[in-house]
PDB file of N, CA and C in Angstrom:
ATOM      1  N   MET A   1       9.895   5.660 -18.604  1.00  0.00           N
ATOM      2  CA  MET A   1       9.133   5.987 -17.424  1.00  0.00           C
ATOM      3  C   MET A   1       8.214   7.165 -17.752  1.00  0.00           C
ATOM      4  N   PRO A   2       6.913   7.019 -17.490  1.00  0.00           N
ATOM      5  CA  PRO A   2       5.987   8.100 -17.849  1.00  0.00           C
ATOM      6  C   PRO A   2       6.143   9.303 -16.920  1.00  0.00           C
ATOM      7  N   ASP A   3       5.937  10.466 -17.499  1.00  0.00           N
ATOM      8  CA  ASP A   3       6.000  11.703 -16.726  1.00  0.00           C
ATOM      9  C   ASP A   3       4.622  11.956 -16.124  1.00  0.00           C
ATOM     10  N   ILE A   4       4.529  12.025 -14.783  1.00  0.00           N
ATOM     11  CA  ILE A   4       3.215  12.154 -14.154  1.00  0.00           C
ATOM     12  C   ILE A   4       2.649  13.561 -14.277  1.00  0.00           C
ATOM     13  N   ILE A   5       3.476  14.518 -14.632  1.00  0.00           N
ATOM     14  CA  ILE A   5       2.984  15.882 -14.806  1.00  0.00           C
ATOM     15  C   ILE A   5       2.160  15.991 -16.082  1.00  0.00           C
ATOM     16  N   LYS A   6       2.548  15.236 -17.099  1.00  0.00           N
ATOM     17  CA  LYS A   6       1.798  15.249 -18.350  1.00  0.00           C
ATOM     18  C   LYS A   6       0.611  14.305 -18.208  1.00  0.00           C
ATOM     19  N   GLY A   7      -0.481  14.652 -18.821  1.00  0.00           N
ATOM     20  CA  GLY A   7      -1.661  13.799 -18.749  1.00  0.00           C
ATOM     21  C   GLY A   7      -2.585  14.231 -17.619  1.00  0.00           C
ATOM     22  N   ASN A   8      -3.447  13.317 -17.220  1.00  0.00           N
ATOM     23  CA  ASN A   8      -4.457  13.599 -16.214  1.00  0.00           C
ATOM     24  C   ASN A   8      -3.852  13.440 -14.818  1.00  0.00           C
ATOM     25  N   LEU A   9      -3.545  14.547 -14.169  1.00  0.00           N
ATOM     26  CA  LEU A   9      -2.906  14.520 -12.852  1.00  0.00           C
ATOM     27  C   LEU A   9      -3.846  13.960 -11.789  1.00  0.00           C
ATOM     28  N   ARG A  10      -5.127  14.284 -11.874  1.00  0.00           N
ATOM     29  CA  ARG A  10      -6.096  13.791 -10.890  1.00  0.00           C
ATOM     30  C   ARG A  10      -6.157  12.267 -10.912  1.00  0.00           C
ATOM     31  N   ARG A  11      -6.171  11.691 -12.088  1.00  0.00           N
ATOM     32  CA  ARG A  11      -6.214  10.226 -12.213  1.00  0.00           C
ATOM     33  C   ARG A  11      -4.940   9.603 -11.650  1.00  0.00           C
ATOM     34  N   THR A  12      -3.807  10.221 -11.907  1.00  0.00           N
ATOM     35  CA  THR A  12      -2.530   9.716 -11.406  1.00  0.00           C
ATOM     36  C   THR A  12      -2.494   9.739  -9.884  1.00  0.00           C
ATOM     37  N   VAL A  13      -2.951  10.836  -9.296  1.00  0.00           N
ATOM     38  CA  VAL A  13      -2.964  10.939  -7.834  1.00  0.00           C
ATOM     39  C   VAL A  13      -3.905   9.901  -7.241  1.00  0.00           C
ATOM     40  N   LEU A  14      -5.064   9.715  -7.841  1.00  0.00           N
ATOM     41  CA  LEU A  14      -6.002   8.709  -7.341  1.00  0.00           C
ATOM     42  C   LEU A  14      -5.425   7.303  -7.438  1.00  0.00           C
ATOM     43  N   LEU A  15      -4.725   7.018  -8.523  1.00  0.00           N
ATOM     44  CA  LEU A  15      -4.105   5.699  -8.656  1.00  0.00           C
ATOM     45  C   LEU A  15      -2.997   5.489  -7.629  1.00  0.00           C
ATOM     46  N   LEU A  16      -2.263   6.549  -7.308  1.00  0.00           N
ATOM     47  CA  LEU A  16      -1.224   6.436  -6.290  1.00  0.00           C
ATOM     48  C   LEU A  16      -1.821   6.303  -4.887  1.00  0.00           C
ATOM     49  N   ALA A  17      -2.972   6.916  -4.657  1.00  0.00           N
ATOM     50  CA  ALA A  17      -3.598   6.882  -3.335  1.00  0.00           C
ATOM     51  C   ALA A  17      -4.385   5.605  -3.092  1.00  0.00           C
ATOM     52  N   LEU A  18      -4.739   4.893  -4.128  1.00  0.00           N
ATOM     53  CA  LEU A  18      -5.580   3.703  -3.984  1.00  0.00           C
ATOM     54  C   LEU A  18      -4.984   2.641  -3.053  1.00  0.00           C
ATOM     55  N   PRO A  19      -3.714   2.285  -3.145  1.00  0.00           N
ATOM     56  CA  PRO A  19      -3.171   1.299  -2.205  1.00  0.00           C
ATOM     57  C   PRO A  19      -3.207   1.764  -0.747  1.00  0.00           C
ATOM     58  N   VAL A  20      -3.016   3.049  -0.525  1.00  0.00           N
ATOM     59  CA  VAL A  20      -3.061   3.575   0.843  1.00  0.00           C
ATOM     60  C   VAL A  20      -4.479   3.479   1.395  1.00  0.00           C
ATOM     61  N   VAL A  21      -5.449   3.825   0.581  1.00  0.00           N
ATOM     62  CA  VAL A  21      -6.847   3.732   1.001  1.00  0.00           C
ATOM     63  C   VAL A  21      -7.216   2.283   1.277  1.00  0.00           C
ATOM     64  N   ALA A  22      -6.761   1.374   0.440  1.00  0.00           N
ATOM     65  CA  ALA A  22      -7.048  -0.049   0.650  1.00  0.00           C
ATOM     66  C   ALA A  22      -6.413  -0.548   1.941  1.00  0.00           C
ATOM     67  N   ARG A  23      -5.190  -0.137   2.224  1.00  0.00           N
ATOM     68  CA  ARG A  23      -4.523  -0.557   3.463  1.00  0.00           C
ATOM     69  C   ARG A  23      -5.257  -0.027   4.687  1.00  0.00           C
ATOM     70  N   MET A  24      -5.684   1.216   4.625  1.00  0.00           N
ATOM     71  CA  MET A  24      -6.407   1.795   5.757  1.00  0.00           C
ATOM     72  C   MET A  24      -7.740   1.083   5.977  1.00  0.00           C
ATOM     73  N   PHE A  25      -8.434   0.757   4.896  1.00  0.00           N
ATOM     74  CA  PHE A  25      -9.701   0.038   5.014  1.00  0.00           C
ATOM     75  C   PHE A  25      -9.488  -1.349   5.606  1.00  0.00           C
ATOM     76  N   LEU A  26      -8.469  -2.052   5.131  1.00  0.00           N
ATOM     77  CA  LEU A  26      -8.203  -3.393   5.652  1.00  0.00           C
ATOM     78  C   LEU A  26      -7.764  -3.351   7.109  1.00  0.00           C
ATOM     79  N   GLN A  27      -7.011  -2.334   7.497  1.00  0.00           N
ATOM     80  CA  GLN A  27      -6.610  -2.194   8.896  1.00  0.00           C
ATOM     81  C   GLN A  27      -7.835  -1.962   9.777  1.00  0.00           C
ATOM     82  N   MET A  28      -8.765  -1.145   9.307  1.00  0.00           N
ATOM     83  CA  MET A  28      -9.993  -0.912  10.048  1.00  0.00           C
ATOM     84  C   MET A  28     -10.819  -2.191  10.140  1.00  0.00           C
ATOM     85  N   LEU A  29     -10.848  -2.955   9.063  1.00  0.00           N
ATOM     86  CA  LEU A  29     -11.587  -4.210   9.051  1.00  0.00           C
ATOM     87  C   LEU A  29     -11.001  -5.214  10.034  1.00  0.00           C
ATOM     88  N   VAL A  30      -9.685  -5.253  10.154  1.00  0.00           N
ATOM     89  CA  VAL A  30      -9.039  -6.136  11.133  1.00  0.00           C
ATOM     90  C   VAL A  30      -9.456  -5.744  12.545  1.00  0.00           C
ATOM     91  N   GLY A  31      -9.530  -4.447  12.819  1.00  0.00           N
ATOM     92  CA  GLY A  31      -9.974  -3.984  14.133  1.00  0.00           C
ATOM     93  C   GLY A  31     -11.397  -4.401  14.435  1.00  0.00           C
ATOM     94  N   VAL A  32     -12.272  -4.322  13.446  1.00  0.00           N
ATOM     95  CA  VAL A  32     -13.665  -4.737  13.636  1.00  0.00           C
ATOM     96  C   VAL A  32     -13.751  -6.233  13.888  1.00  0.00           C
ATOM     97  N   VAL A  33     -12.994  -7.013  13.140  1.00  0.00           N
ATOM     98  CA  VAL A  33     -12.994  -8.466  13.333  1.00  0.00           C
ATOM     99  C   VAL A  33     -12.422  -8.822  14.703  1.00  0.00           C
ATOM    100  N   ASP A  34     -11.373  -8.123  15.130  1.00  0.00           N
ATOM    101  CA  ASP A  34     -10.826  -8.347  16.474  1.00  0.00           C
ATOM    102  C   ASP A  34     -11.890  -8.120  17.533  1.00  0.00           C
ATOM    103  N   LEU A  35     -12.616  -7.013  17.412  1.00  0.00           N
ATOM    104  CA  LEU A  35     -13.653  -6.717  18.394  1.00  0.00           C
ATOM    105  C   LEU A  35     -14.777  -7.747  18.350  1.00  0.00           C
ATOM    106  N   ALA A  36     -15.124  -8.213  17.175  1.00  0.00           N
ATOM    107  CA  ALA A  36     -16.176  -9.223  17.066  1.00  0.00           C
ATOM    108  C   ALA A  36     -15.745 -10.536  17.712  1.00  0.00           C
ATOM    109  N   MET A  37     -14.487 -10.914  17.509  1.00  0.00           N
ATOM    110  CA  MET A  37     -14.001 -12.162  18.109  1.00  0.00           C
ATOM    111  C   MET A  37     -13.881 -12.040  19.621  1.00  0.00           C
ATOM    112  N   VAL A  38     -13.338 -10.928  20.090  1.00  0.00           N
ATOM    113  CA  VAL A  38     -13.148 -10.740  21.528  1.00  0.00           C
ATOM    114  C   VAL A  38     -14.489 -10.486  22.210  1.00  0.00           C
ATOM    115  N   GLY A  39     -15.454  -9.992  21.467  1.00  0.00           N
ATOM    116  CA  GLY A  39     -16.779  -9.756  22.024  1.00  0.00           C
ATOM    117  C   GLY A  39     -17.438 -11.010  22.550  1.00  0.00           C
ATOM    118  N   GLN A  40     -16.975 -12.154  22.112  1.00  0.00           N
ATOM    119  CA  GLN A  40     -17.508 -13.424  22.598  1.00  0.00           C
ATOM    120  C   GLN A  40     -17.016 -13.736  24.006  1.00  0.00           C
ATOM    121  N   ILE A  41     -15.958 -13.052  24.461  1.00  0.00           N
ATOM    122  CA  ILE A  41     -15.347 -13.368  25.754  1.00  0.00           C
ATOM    123  C   ILE A  41     -16.009 -12.577  26.876  1.00  0.00           C
ATOM    124  N   SER A  42     -15.809 -11.248  26.891  1.00  0.00           N
ATOM    125  CA  SER A  42     -16.386 -10.428  27.959  1.00  0.00           C
ATOM    126  C   SER A  42     -16.308  -8.952  27.582  1.00  0.00           C
ATOM    127  N   PRO A  43     -17.098  -8.122  28.251  1.00  0.00           N
ATOM    128  CA  PRO A  43     -17.007  -6.679  28.003  1.00  0.00           C
ATOM    129  C   PRO A  43     -15.641  -6.095  28.377  1.00  0.00           C
ATOM    130  N   ALA A  44     -14.995  -6.651  29.392  1.00  0.00           N
ATOM    131  CA  ALA A  44     -13.664  -6.165  29.769  1.00  0.00           C
ATOM    132  C   ALA A  44     -12.658  -6.442  28.660  1.00  0.00           C
ATOM    133  N   ALA A  45     -12.799  -7.564  27.981  1.00  0.00           N
ATOM    134  CA  ALA A  45     -11.897  -7.886  26.875  1.00  0.00           C
ATOM    135  C   ALA A  45     -12.099  -6.914  25.716  1.00  0.00           C
ATOM    136  N   ILE A  46     -13.345  -6.517  25.486  1.00  0.00           N
ATOM    137  CA  ILE A  46     -13.618  -5.534  24.432  1.00  0.00           C
ATOM    138  C   ILE A  46     -12.936  -4.210  24.770  1.00  0.00           C
ATOM    139  N   SER A  47     -13.007  -3.816  26.032  1.00  0.00           N
ATOM    140  CA  SER A  47     -12.345  -2.577  26.459  1.00  0.00           C
ATOM    141  C   SER A  47     -10.841  -2.666  26.269  1.00  0.00           C
ATOM    142  N   ALA A  48     -10.267  -3.810  26.597  1.00  0.00           N
ATOM    143  CA  ALA A  48      -8.820  -3.988  26.456  1.00  0.00           C
ATOM    144  C   ALA A  48      -8.395  -3.892  24.996  1.00  0.00           C
ATOM    145  N   VAL A  49      -9.151  -4.506  24.114  1.00  0.00           N
ATOM    146  CA  VAL A  49      -8.821  -4.442  22.685  1.00  0.00           C
ATOM    147  C   VAL A  49      -8.982  -3.014  22.172  1.00  0.00           C
ATOM    148  N   GLY A  50     -10.013  -2.322  22.624  1.00  0.00           N
ATOM    149  CA  GLY A  50     -10.212  -0.934  22.211  1.00  0.00           C
ATOM    150  C   GLY A  50      -9.074  -0.036  22.650  1.00  0.00           C
ATOM    151  N   MET A  51      -8.618  -0.199  23.884  1.00  0.00           N
ATOM    152  CA  MET A  51      -7.499   0.610  24.376  1.00  0.00           C
ATOM    153  C   MET A  51      -6.201   0.258  23.643  1.00  0.00           C
ATOM    154  N   GLY A  52      -5.972  -1.020  23.419  1.00  0.00           N
ATOM    155  CA  GLY A  52      -4.783  -1.433  22.671  1.00  0.00           C
ATOM    156  C   GLY A  52      -4.798  -0.915  21.252  1.00  0.00           C
ATOM    157  N   ASN A  53      -5.982  -0.875  20.656  1.00  0.00           N
ATOM    158  CA  ASN A  53      -6.114  -0.376  19.289  1.00  0.00           C
ATOM    159  C   ASN A  53      -5.784   1.116  19.231  1.00  0.00           C
ATOM    160  N   GLN A  54      -6.163   1.872  20.251  1.00  0.00           N
ATOM    161  CA  GLN A  54      -5.843   3.302  20.283  1.00  0.00           C
ATOM    162  C   GLN A  54      -4.335   3.530  20.328  1.00  0.00           C
ATOM    163  N   ILE A  55      -3.637   2.727  21.115  1.00  0.00           N
ATOM    164  CA  ILE A  55      -2.175   2.836  21.190  1.00  0.00           C
ATOM    165  C   ILE A  55      -1.554   2.487  19.840  1.00  0.00           C
ATOM    166  N   PHE A  56      -2.085   1.452  19.202  1.00  0.00           N
ATOM    167  CA  PHE A  56      -1.576   1.045  17.891  1.00  0.00           C
ATOM    168  C   PHE A  56      -1.788   2.149  16.858  1.00  0.00           C
ATOM    169  N   ILE A  57      -2.963   2.761  16.854  1.00  0.00           N
ATOM    170  CA  ILE A  57      -3.259   3.821  15.893  1.00  0.00           C
ATOM    171  C   ILE A  57      -2.359   5.032  16.134  1.00  0.00           C
ATOM    172  N   LEU A  58      -2.131   5.379  17.396  1.00  0.00           N
ATOM    173  CA  LEU A  58      -1.255   6.510  17.712  1.00  0.00           C
ATOM    174  C   LEU A  58       0.174   6.252  17.237  1.00  0.00           C
ATOM    175  N   SER A  59       0.686   5.058  17.505  1.00  0.00           N
ATOM    176  CA  SER A  59       2.050   4.748  17.068  1.00  0.00           C
ATOM    177  C   SER A  59       2.147   4.707  15.546  1.00  0.00           C
ATOM    178  N   THR A  60       1.122   4.211  14.891  1.00  0.00           N
ATOM    179  CA  THR A  60       1.105   4.194  13.427  1.00  0.00           C
ATOM    180  C   THR A  60       1.096   5.615  12.871  1.00  0.00           C
ATOM    181  N   ALA A  61       0.322   6.504  13.484  1.00  0.00           N
ATOM    182  CA  ALA A  61       0.266   7.894  13.023  1.00  0.00           C
ATOM    183  C   ALA A  61       1.620   8.581  13.183  1.00  0.00           C
ATOM    184  N   ILE A  62       2.289   8.329  14.300  1.00  0.00           N
ATOM    185  CA  ILE A  62       3.606   8.936  14.521  1.00  0.00           C
ATOM    186  C   ILE A  62       4.613   8.421  13.496  1.00  0.00           C
ATOM    187  N   LEU A  63       4.612   7.116  13.261  1.00  0.00           N
ATOM    188  CA  LEU A  63       5.541   6.553  12.280  1.00  0.00           C
ATOM    189  C   LEU A  63       5.223   7.032  10.869  1.00  0.00           C
ATOM    190  N   ASN A  64       3.941   7.186  10.547  1.00  0.00           N
ATOM    191  CA  ASN A  64       3.572   7.713   9.233  1.00  0.00           C
ATOM    192  C   ASN A  64       4.051   9.152   9.071  1.00  0.00           C
ATOM    193  N   ALA A  65       3.998   9.934  10.143  1.00  0.00           N
ATOM    194  CA  ALA A  65       4.494  11.314  10.070  1.00  0.00           C
ATOM    195  C   ALA A  65       5.990  11.332   9.775  1.00  0.00           C
ATOM    196  N   PHE A  66       6.754  10.449  10.422  1.00  0.00           N
ATOM    197  CA  PHE A  66       8.184  10.361  10.127  1.00  0.00           C
ATOM    198  C   PHE A  66       8.415   9.908   8.689  1.00  0.00           C
ATOM    199  N   THR A  67       7.603   8.991   8.217  1.00  0.00           N
ATOM    200  CA  THR A  67       7.743   8.498   6.846  1.00  0.00           C
ATOM    201  C   THR A  67       7.510   9.617   5.840  1.00  0.00           C
ATOM    202  N   VAL A  68       6.457  10.388   6.054  1.00  0.00           N
ATOM    203  CA  VAL A  68       6.160  11.496   5.142  1.00  0.00           C
ATOM    204  C   VAL A  68       7.280  12.533   5.188  1.00  0.00           C
ATOM    205  N   GLY A  69       7.775  12.814   6.382  1.00  0.00           N
ATOM    206  CA  GLY A  69       8.847  13.803   6.515  1.00  0.00           C
ATOM    207  C   GLY A  69      10.148  13.371   5.868  1.00  0.00           C
ATOM    208  N   THR A  70      10.490  12.102   5.994  1.00  0.00           N
ATOM    209  CA  THR A  70      11.753  11.638   5.422  1.00  0.00           C
ATOM    210  C   THR A  70      11.644  11.349   3.931  1.00  0.00           C
ATOM    211  N   THR A  71      10.450  11.150   3.429  1.00  0.00           N
ATOM    212  CA  THR A  71      10.287  10.920   1.995  1.00  0.00           C
ATOM    213  C   THR A  71      10.693  12.165   1.210  1.00  0.00           C
ATOM    214  N   ALA A  72      10.410  13.322   1.760  1.00  0.00           N
ATOM    215  CA  ALA A  72      10.762  14.571   1.077  1.00  0.00           C
ATOM    216  C   ALA A  72      12.270  14.779   1.015  1.00  0.00           C
ATOM    217  N   LEU A  73      12.994  14.154   1.939  1.00  0.00           N
ATOM    218  CA  LEU A  73      14.444  14.317   1.936  1.00  0.00           C
ATOM    219  C   LEU A  73      15.028  13.510   0.813  1.00  0.00           C
TER     220      LEU A  73
END
């Protein structure tokens, strides 16, 4: 198993962060596609999806905070 302290630390951190960045980008893309699809229905539907997305993002942020906190344990 390679020691991440030895070698280029910046490259190692970027490689570890890449999947997280990709997941965040894809999650944002799903939100955009949802809005584009619902946009065909009505403005009220767009508002509903936007409000639901805010609740989803808030719950995801809270769960991510717990994940980061428990990872250190």
